Amino acid sequence: MTDTLTETEVDEDLDVEDPTEEPEGTEGTEETTDEDGDTFPRDYVERLRRENARYRERAGQADDLAARLHAALVAATGRLADPSDLAFDEAHIEDENALTAALDDLLARKPHLASPDSCHVGVIPGRAGCLCWSAA
């Protein structure tokens, strides 16, 4: 003997909200139905879509600003001829040491990307540039 419920048996003690009831103030609006049979007022769905579009737009703007900041930080070091040679990484914005390490690694692998104005002999890196001296 197994205790299984058939589809016709329903527990009468459960208080379940009717998902087809409209919130107050939305009477007379056209409704959208999804595959599960849940219905939502059209103005509610449109409001959610507009809100989501605003968030996507803001996220896109934040990504653009982060990329511009990254390029500016790389350019400020003066170590690369083209700041776009270093791929964007959010860690470079948050941690100056990560940016320096990434630049060191890139220039060790590809020294031809170095800025022609950068120092090659006896370099002391600093915030305002670098101090150079020659072995002569």
N, C-alpha and C. Protein backbone atom coordinates (compact mmCIF):
# COMPACT_ATOMS: atom_id res chain seq x y z
N MET A 1 0.83 -1.18 0.00
CA MET A 1 0.00 0.00 0.00
C MET A 1 0.87 1.25 0.00
N THR A 2 0.68 2.09 -0.95
CA THR A 2 1.41 3.35 -1.00
C THR A 2 0.45 4.49 -0.79
N ASP A 3 0.95 5.51 -0.15
CA ASP A 3 0.13 6.70 0.10
C ASP A 3 0.41 7.73 -0.98
N THR A 4 -0.28 7.66 -2.07
CA THR A 4 -0.09 8.63 -3.15
C THR A 4 -1.39 9.39 -3.35
N LEU A 5 -1.23 10.61 -3.74
CA LEU A 5 -2.39 11.45 -4.01
C LEU A 5 -2.66 11.46 -5.50
N THR A 6 -3.88 11.40 -5.82
CA THR A 6 -4.24 11.55 -7.23
C THR A 6 -4.46 13.02 -7.51
N GLU A 7 -4.58 13.36 -8.75
CA GLU A 7 -4.74 14.76 -9.12
C GLU A 7 -6.05 15.34 -8.62
N THR A 8 -7.03 14.52 -8.35
CA THR A 8 -8.33 15.03 -7.93
C THR A 8 -8.38 15.33 -6.44
N GLU A 9 -7.44 14.77 -5.67
CA GLU A 9 -7.43 15.02 -4.23
C GLU A 9 -6.76 16.36 -3.97
N VAL A 10 -7.37 17.22 -3.17
CA VAL A 10 -6.84 18.54 -2.87
C VAL A 10 -6.94 18.76 -1.38
N ASP A 11 -5.90 19.33 -0.81
CA ASP A 11 -5.92 19.65 0.61
C ASP A 11 -6.70 20.95 0.78
N GLU A 12 -7.84 20.88 1.42
CA GLU A 12 -8.73 22.02 1.57
C GLU A 12 -8.23 23.04 2.58
N ASP A 13 -7.25 22.68 3.42
CA ASP A 13 -6.78 23.57 4.47
C ASP A 13 -5.79 24.61 3.96
N LEU A 14 -5.28 24.47 2.77
CA LEU A 14 -4.27 25.40 2.25
C LEU A 14 -4.92 26.70 1.81
N ASP A 15 -4.31 27.81 2.22
CA ASP A 15 -4.75 29.12 1.76
C ASP A 15 -3.81 29.55 0.64
N VAL A 16 -4.28 29.51 -0.57
CA VAL A 16 -3.47 29.86 -1.73
C VAL A 16 -4.09 31.07 -2.39
N GLU A 17 -3.22 32.06 -2.69
CA GLU A 17 -3.71 33.25 -3.38
C GLU A 17 -3.98 32.91 -4.83
N ASP A 18 -5.00 33.51 -5.36
CA ASP A 18 -5.35 33.30 -6.76
C ASP A 18 -4.41 34.14 -7.62
N PRO A 19 -3.54 33.50 -8.43
CA PRO A 19 -2.58 34.28 -9.23
C PRO A 19 -3.24 35.09 -10.33
N THR A 20 -4.52 34.86 -10.59
CA THR A 20 -5.19 35.61 -11.65
C THR A 20 -5.81 36.90 -11.14
N GLU A 21 -5.78 37.11 -9.81
CA GLU A 21 -6.34 38.36 -9.28
C GLU A 21 -5.44 39.52 -9.64
N GLU A 22 -6.03 40.62 -10.07
CA GLU A 22 -5.26 41.80 -10.43
C GLU A 22 -5.03 42.66 -9.20
N PRO A 23 -3.84 43.28 -9.10
CA PRO A 23 -3.62 44.22 -8.01
C PRO A 23 -4.56 45.40 -8.15
N GLU A 24 -4.80 46.07 -7.03
CA GLU A 24 -5.73 47.20 -7.06
C GLU A 24 -5.22 48.29 -7.99
N GLY A 25 -6.11 48.94 -8.67
CA GLY A 25 -5.75 50.04 -9.56
C GLY A 25 -5.37 49.59 -10.96
N THR A 26 -5.49 48.30 -11.27
CA THR A 26 -5.12 47.83 -12.60
C THR A 26 -6.31 47.25 -13.35
N GLU A 27 -7.50 47.57 -12.92
CA GLU A 27 -8.68 47.04 -13.58
C GLU A 27 -8.76 47.59 -15.01
N GLY A 28 -9.20 46.74 -15.91
CA GLY A 28 -9.43 47.17 -17.27
C GLY A 28 -8.18 47.23 -18.12
N THR A 29 -7.06 46.70 -17.67
CA THR A 29 -5.85 46.71 -18.48
C THR A 29 -5.71 45.37 -19.18
N GLU A 30 -5.03 45.40 -20.31
CA GLU A 30 -4.80 44.18 -21.07
C GLU A 30 -3.76 43.35 -20.33
N GLU A 31 -3.90 42.05 -20.33
CA GLU A 31 -3.01 41.18 -19.58
C GLU A 31 -2.15 40.35 -20.51
N THR A 32 -0.97 39.96 -20.00
CA THR A 32 -0.06 39.10 -20.71
C THR A 32 -0.03 37.77 -19.98
N THR A 33 -0.07 36.67 -20.71
CA THR A 33 -0.06 35.34 -20.10
C THR A 33 1.22 34.64 -20.50
N ASP A 34 1.93 34.06 -19.51
CA ASP A 34 3.11 33.28 -19.84
C ASP A 34 2.72 31.82 -19.97
N GLU A 35 3.70 30.95 -20.21
CA GLU A 35 3.43 29.54 -20.47
C GLU A 35 2.81 28.83 -19.28
N ASP A 36 3.08 29.28 -18.07
CA ASP A 36 2.56 28.62 -16.88
C ASP A 36 1.14 29.04 -16.56
N GLY A 37 0.61 29.99 -17.29
CA GLY A 37 -0.74 30.43 -17.05
C GLY A 37 -0.83 31.61 -16.10
N ASP A 38 0.31 32.10 -15.59
CA ASP A 38 0.29 33.29 -14.73
C ASP A 38 0.01 34.50 -15.60
N THR A 39 -0.79 35.41 -15.09
CA THR A 39 -1.11 36.61 -15.85
C THR A 39 -0.64 37.83 -15.10
N PHE A 40 -0.19 38.81 -15.86
CA PHE A 40 0.28 40.06 -15.30
C PHE A 40 -0.33 41.20 -16.11
N PRO A 41 -0.68 42.28 -15.46
CA PRO A 41 -1.22 43.44 -16.19
C PRO A 41 -0.18 43.99 -17.16
N ARG A 42 -0.63 44.42 -18.31
CA ARG A 42 0.26 44.91 -19.35
C ARG A 42 1.10 46.09 -18.87
N ASP A 43 0.50 47.03 -18.14
CA ASP A 43 1.26 48.20 -17.69
C ASP A 43 2.35 47.79 -16.71
N TYR A 44 2.11 46.76 -15.92
CA TYR A 44 3.13 46.26 -14.99
C TYR A 44 4.31 45.67 -15.76
N VAL A 45 4.02 44.88 -16.78
CA VAL A 45 5.07 44.27 -17.59
C VAL A 45 5.87 45.35 -18.31
N GLU A 46 5.19 46.34 -18.87
CA GLU A 46 5.88 47.42 -19.57
C GLU A 46 6.75 48.22 -18.62
N ARG A 47 6.27 48.45 -17.41
CA ARG A 47 7.05 49.19 -16.42
C ARG A 47 8.31 48.40 -16.05
N LEU A 48 8.19 47.10 -15.89
CA LEU A 48 9.36 46.26 -15.60
C LEU A 48 10.36 46.28 -16.75
N ARG A 49 9.85 46.26 -17.98
CA ARG A 49 10.75 46.29 -19.14
C ARG A 49 11.49 47.62 -19.23
N ARG A 50 10.80 48.73 -18.96
CA ARG A 50 11.46 50.04 -18.98
C ARG A 50 12.52 50.12 -17.89
N GLU A 51 12.19 49.63 -16.72
CA GLU A 51 13.14 49.64 -15.61
C GLU A 51 14.38 48.81 -15.95
N ASN A 52 14.17 47.64 -16.52
CA ASN A 52 15.27 46.78 -16.91
C ASN A 52 16.12 47.45 -17.98
N ALA A 53 15.51 48.13 -18.93
CA ALA A 53 16.24 48.84 -19.98
C ALA A 53 17.12 49.93 -19.38
N ARG A 54 16.59 50.65 -18.38
CA ARG A 54 17.40 51.69 -17.72
C ARG A 54 18.61 51.07 -17.03
N TYR A 55 18.42 49.94 -16.37
CA TYR A 55 19.54 49.28 -15.70
C TYR A 55 20.58 48.79 -16.70
N ARG A 56 20.14 48.26 -17.83
CA ARG A 56 21.09 47.82 -18.86
C ARG A 56 21.87 49.01 -19.41
N GLU A 57 21.19 50.14 -19.60
CA GLU A 57 21.86 51.34 -20.10
C GLU A 57 22.90 51.84 -19.10
N ARG A 58 22.54 51.87 -17.83
CA ARG A 58 23.48 52.31 -16.80
C ARG A 58 24.68 51.36 -16.71
N ALA A 59 24.44 50.07 -16.82
CA ALA A 59 25.53 49.10 -16.77
C ALA A 59 26.47 49.29 -17.96
N GLY A 60 25.90 49.56 -19.12
CA GLY A 60 26.72 49.83 -20.30
C GLY A 60 27.56 51.08 -20.13
N GLN A 61 26.97 52.13 -19.56
CA GLN A 61 27.72 53.36 -19.31
C GLN A 61 28.83 53.11 -18.30
N ALA A 62 28.55 52.33 -17.27
CA ALA A 62 29.58 52.02 -16.27
C ALA A 62 30.73 51.24 -16.89
N ASP A 63 30.41 50.31 -17.79
CA ASP A 63 31.46 49.55 -18.48
C ASP A 63 32.31 50.47 -19.35
N ASP A 64 31.67 51.40 -20.06
CA ASP A 64 32.41 52.35 -20.90
C ASP A 64 33.32 53.23 -20.06
N LEU A 65 32.80 53.72 -18.94
CA LEU A 65 33.62 54.57 -18.06
C LEU A 65 34.78 53.79 -17.46
N ALA A 66 34.56 52.54 -17.11
CA ALA A 66 35.63 51.72 -16.55
C ALA A 66 36.73 51.50 -17.60
N ALA A 67 36.34 51.27 -18.84
CA ALA A 67 37.32 51.08 -19.91
C ALA A 67 38.12 52.36 -20.14
N ARG A 68 37.44 53.51 -20.10
CA ARG A 68 38.14 54.79 -20.27
C ARG A 68 39.09 55.05 -19.12
N LEU A 69 38.67 54.74 -17.90
CA LEU A 69 39.53 54.91 -16.74
C LEU A 69 40.75 54.01 -16.84
N HIS A 70 40.54 52.78 -17.27
CA HIS A 70 41.66 51.83 -17.42
C HIS A 70 42.67 52.38 -18.43
N ALA A 71 42.18 52.85 -19.57
CA ALA A 71 43.08 53.41 -20.58
C ALA A 71 43.83 54.62 -20.05
N ALA A 72 43.15 55.46 -19.27
CA ALA A 72 43.80 56.64 -18.70
C ALA A 72 44.86 56.25 -17.68
N LEU A 73 44.58 55.24 -16.87
CA LEU A 73 45.57 54.79 -15.89
C LEU A 73 46.80 54.20 -16.57
N VAL A 74 46.58 53.43 -17.62
CA VAL A 74 47.70 52.85 -18.36
C VAL A 74 48.50 53.96 -19.05
N ALA A 75 47.81 54.92 -19.65
CA ALA A 75 48.49 56.03 -20.32
C ALA A 75 49.28 56.87 -19.31
N ALA A 76 48.76 57.02 -18.11
CA ALA A 76 49.43 57.83 -17.09
C ALA A 76 50.76 57.22 -16.66
N THR A 77 50.91 55.93 -16.82
CA THR A 77 52.19 55.31 -16.46
C THR A 77 53.26 55.68 -17.48
N GLY A 78 52.86 55.94 -18.72
CA GLY A 78 53.81 56.31 -19.76
C GLY A 78 54.67 55.15 -20.23
N ARG A 79 54.32 53.95 -19.86
CA ARG A 79 55.16 52.80 -20.18
C ARG A 79 54.82 52.15 -21.52
N LEU A 80 53.62 52.37 -22.03
CA LEU A 80 53.22 51.76 -23.30
C LEU A 80 53.04 52.84 -24.36
N ALA A 81 53.43 52.52 -25.60
CA ALA A 81 53.22 53.45 -26.70
C ALA A 81 51.72 53.61 -26.96
N ASP A 82 50.99 52.52 -26.83
CA ASP A 82 49.54 52.54 -27.04
C ASP A 82 48.87 51.91 -25.82
N PRO A 83 48.16 52.70 -25.01
CA PRO A 83 47.55 52.17 -23.79
C PRO A 83 46.56 51.03 -24.04
N SER A 84 46.02 50.94 -25.26
CA SER A 84 45.06 49.87 -25.54
C SER A 84 45.75 48.51 -25.72
N ASP A 85 47.08 48.49 -25.71
CA ASP A 85 47.79 47.21 -25.82
C ASP A 85 47.60 46.34 -24.58
N LEU A 86 47.31 46.95 -23.45
CA LEU A 86 47.04 46.18 -22.24
C LEU A 86 45.55 45.93 -22.16
N ALA A 87 45.16 44.67 -22.16
CA ALA A 87 43.74 44.31 -22.13
C ALA A 87 43.10 44.79 -20.83
N PHE A 88 41.83 45.17 -20.94
CA PHE A 88 41.08 45.65 -19.78
C PHE A 88 40.94 44.54 -18.74
N ASP A 89 41.18 44.92 -17.49
CA ASP A 89 40.95 44.03 -16.36
C ASP A 89 40.52 44.91 -15.20
N GLU A 90 39.38 44.61 -14.62
CA GLU A 90 38.84 45.42 -13.53
C GLU A 90 39.80 45.48 -12.34
N ALA A 91 40.60 44.45 -12.17
CA ALA A 91 41.57 44.42 -11.06
C ALA A 91 42.60 45.54 -11.21
N HIS A 92 42.90 45.94 -12.45
CA HIS A 92 43.87 47.01 -12.67
C HIS A 92 43.36 48.34 -12.14
N ILE A 93 42.05 48.53 -12.15
CA ILE A 93 41.46 49.77 -11.65
C ILE A 93 41.49 49.81 -10.14
N GLU A 94 41.22 48.67 -9.53
CA GLU A 94 41.10 48.59 -8.08
C GLU A 94 42.44 48.50 -7.38
N ASP A 95 43.46 47.94 -8.04
CA ASP A 95 44.73 47.68 -7.38
C ASP A 95 45.88 48.17 -8.25
N GLU A 96 46.60 49.17 -7.77
CA GLU A 96 47.72 49.73 -8.53
C GLU A 96 48.82 48.70 -8.74
N ASN A 97 49.03 47.83 -7.77
CA ASN A 97 50.06 46.80 -7.90
C ASN A 97 49.70 45.80 -8.99
N ALA A 98 48.43 45.49 -9.15
CA ALA A 98 48.00 44.59 -10.22
C ALA A 98 48.27 45.21 -11.59
N LEU A 99 48.03 46.51 -11.71
CA LEU A 99 48.30 47.21 -12.96
C LEU A 99 49.79 47.19 -13.27
N THR A 100 50.61 47.49 -12.27
CA THR A 100 52.06 47.50 -12.46
C THR A 100 52.56 46.11 -12.84
N ALA A 101 52.06 45.08 -12.17
CA ALA A 101 52.47 43.72 -12.48
C ALA A 101 52.06 43.33 -13.90
N ALA A 102 50.86 43.73 -14.32
CA ALA A 102 50.39 43.41 -15.67
C ALA A 102 51.25 44.13 -16.72
N LEU A 103 51.61 45.37 -16.45
CA LEU A 103 52.48 46.10 -17.38
C LEU A 103 53.86 45.46 -17.44
N ASP A 104 54.41 45.09 -16.29
CA ASP A 104 55.72 44.43 -16.25
C ASP A 104 55.69 43.14 -17.07
N ASP A 105 54.65 42.34 -16.88
CA ASP A 105 54.52 41.07 -17.58
C ASP A 105 54.39 41.30 -19.09
N LEU A 106 53.55 42.25 -19.48
CA LEU A 106 53.35 42.53 -20.91
C LEU A 106 54.65 43.01 -21.55
N LEU A 107 55.35 43.91 -20.90
CA LEU A 107 56.58 44.45 -21.47
C LEU A 107 57.71 43.42 -21.46
N ALA A 108 57.68 42.48 -20.53
CA ALA A 108 58.68 41.41 -20.52
C ALA A 108 58.45 40.47 -21.71
N ARG A 109 57.19 40.21 -22.03
CA ARG A 109 56.86 39.34 -23.15
C ARG A 109 56.96 40.06 -24.49
N LYS A 110 56.60 41.35 -24.50
CA LYS A 110 56.56 42.11 -25.76
C LYS A 110 57.22 43.48 -25.56
N PRO A 111 58.54 43.53 -25.51
CA PRO A 111 59.22 44.81 -25.25
C PRO A 111 59.01 45.86 -26.34
N HIS A 112 58.63 45.44 -27.53
CA HIS A 112 58.40 46.39 -28.63
C HIS A 112 57.16 47.26 -28.39
N LEU A 113 56.33 46.91 -27.40
CA LEU A 113 55.15 47.72 -27.09
C LEU A 113 55.47 48.90 -26.18
N ALA A 114 56.69 48.95 -25.68
CA ALA A 114 57.08 50.02 -24.75
C ALA A 114 57.05 51.37 -25.45
N SER A 115 56.76 52.37 -24.68
CA SER A 115 56.76 53.74 -25.19
C SER A 115 58.18 54.13 -25.55
N PRO A 116 58.37 54.81 -26.69
CA PRO A 116 59.73 55.23 -27.06
C PRO A 116 60.29 56.25 -26.08
N ASP A 117 59.43 56.92 -25.35
CA ASP A 117 59.87 57.90 -24.37
C ASP A 117 60.20 57.27 -23.03
N SER A 118 59.86 56.00 -22.87
CA SER A 118 60.09 55.37 -21.57
C SER A 118 61.57 55.07 -21.40
N CYS A 119 61.98 54.97 -20.19
CA CYS A 119 63.38 54.73 -19.86
C CYS A 119 63.70 53.25 -20.04
N HIS A 120 64.87 52.97 -20.60
CA HIS A 120 65.25 51.58 -20.78
C HIS A 120 66.48 51.23 -19.96
N VAL A 121 67.28 52.22 -19.60
CA VAL A 121 68.50 51.95 -18.85
C VAL A 121 68.36 52.58 -17.49
N GLY A 122 68.54 51.82 -16.45
CA GLY A 122 68.50 52.34 -15.09
C GLY A 122 67.21 53.06 -14.78
N VAL A 123 66.14 52.35 -14.61
CA VAL A 123 64.83 52.95 -14.40
C VAL A 123 64.47 52.94 -12.93
N ILE A 124 64.03 54.10 -12.44
CA ILE A 124 63.44 54.20 -11.11
C ILE A 124 62.02 54.69 -11.33
N PRO A 125 61.04 53.80 -11.26
CA PRO A 125 59.66 54.25 -11.53
C PRO A 125 59.14 55.14 -10.42
N GLY A 126 58.34 56.09 -10.80
CA GLY A 126 57.71 56.99 -9.84
C GLY A 126 56.38 57.45 -10.37
N ARG A 127 55.62 58.12 -9.53
CA ARG A 127 54.29 58.57 -9.95
C ARG A 127 54.38 59.64 -11.03
N ALA A 128 55.35 60.50 -11.00
CA ALA A 128 55.45 61.60 -11.96
C ALA A 128 56.23 61.20 -13.20
N GLY A 129 56.58 59.97 -13.32
CA GLY A 129 57.35 59.52 -14.47
C GLY A 129 58.45 58.60 -13.99
N CYS A 130 59.61 58.67 -14.62
CA CYS A 130 60.72 57.85 -14.16
C CYS A 130 62.01 58.65 -14.27
N LEU A 131 62.94 58.30 -13.44
CA LEU A 131 64.26 58.92 -13.46
C LEU A 131 65.19 57.97 -14.19
N CYS A 132 65.94 58.50 -15.14
CA CYS A 132 66.81 57.64 -15.94
C CYS A 132 68.26 58.07 -15.78
N TRP A 133 69.13 57.13 -15.89
CA TRP A 133 70.54 57.42 -15.95
C TRP A 133 71.16 56.40 -16.88
N SER A 134 72.25 56.74 -17.42
CA SER A 134 72.93 55.81 -18.33
C SER A 134 74.16 55.26 -17.63
N ALA A 135 74.67 54.18 -18.15
CA ALA A 135 75.84 53.52 -17.56
C ALA A 135 77.12 54.23 -17.95
N ALA A 136 77.08 55.22 -18.82
CA ALA A 136 78.28 55.91 -19.32
C ALA A 136 78.90 56.83 -18.32
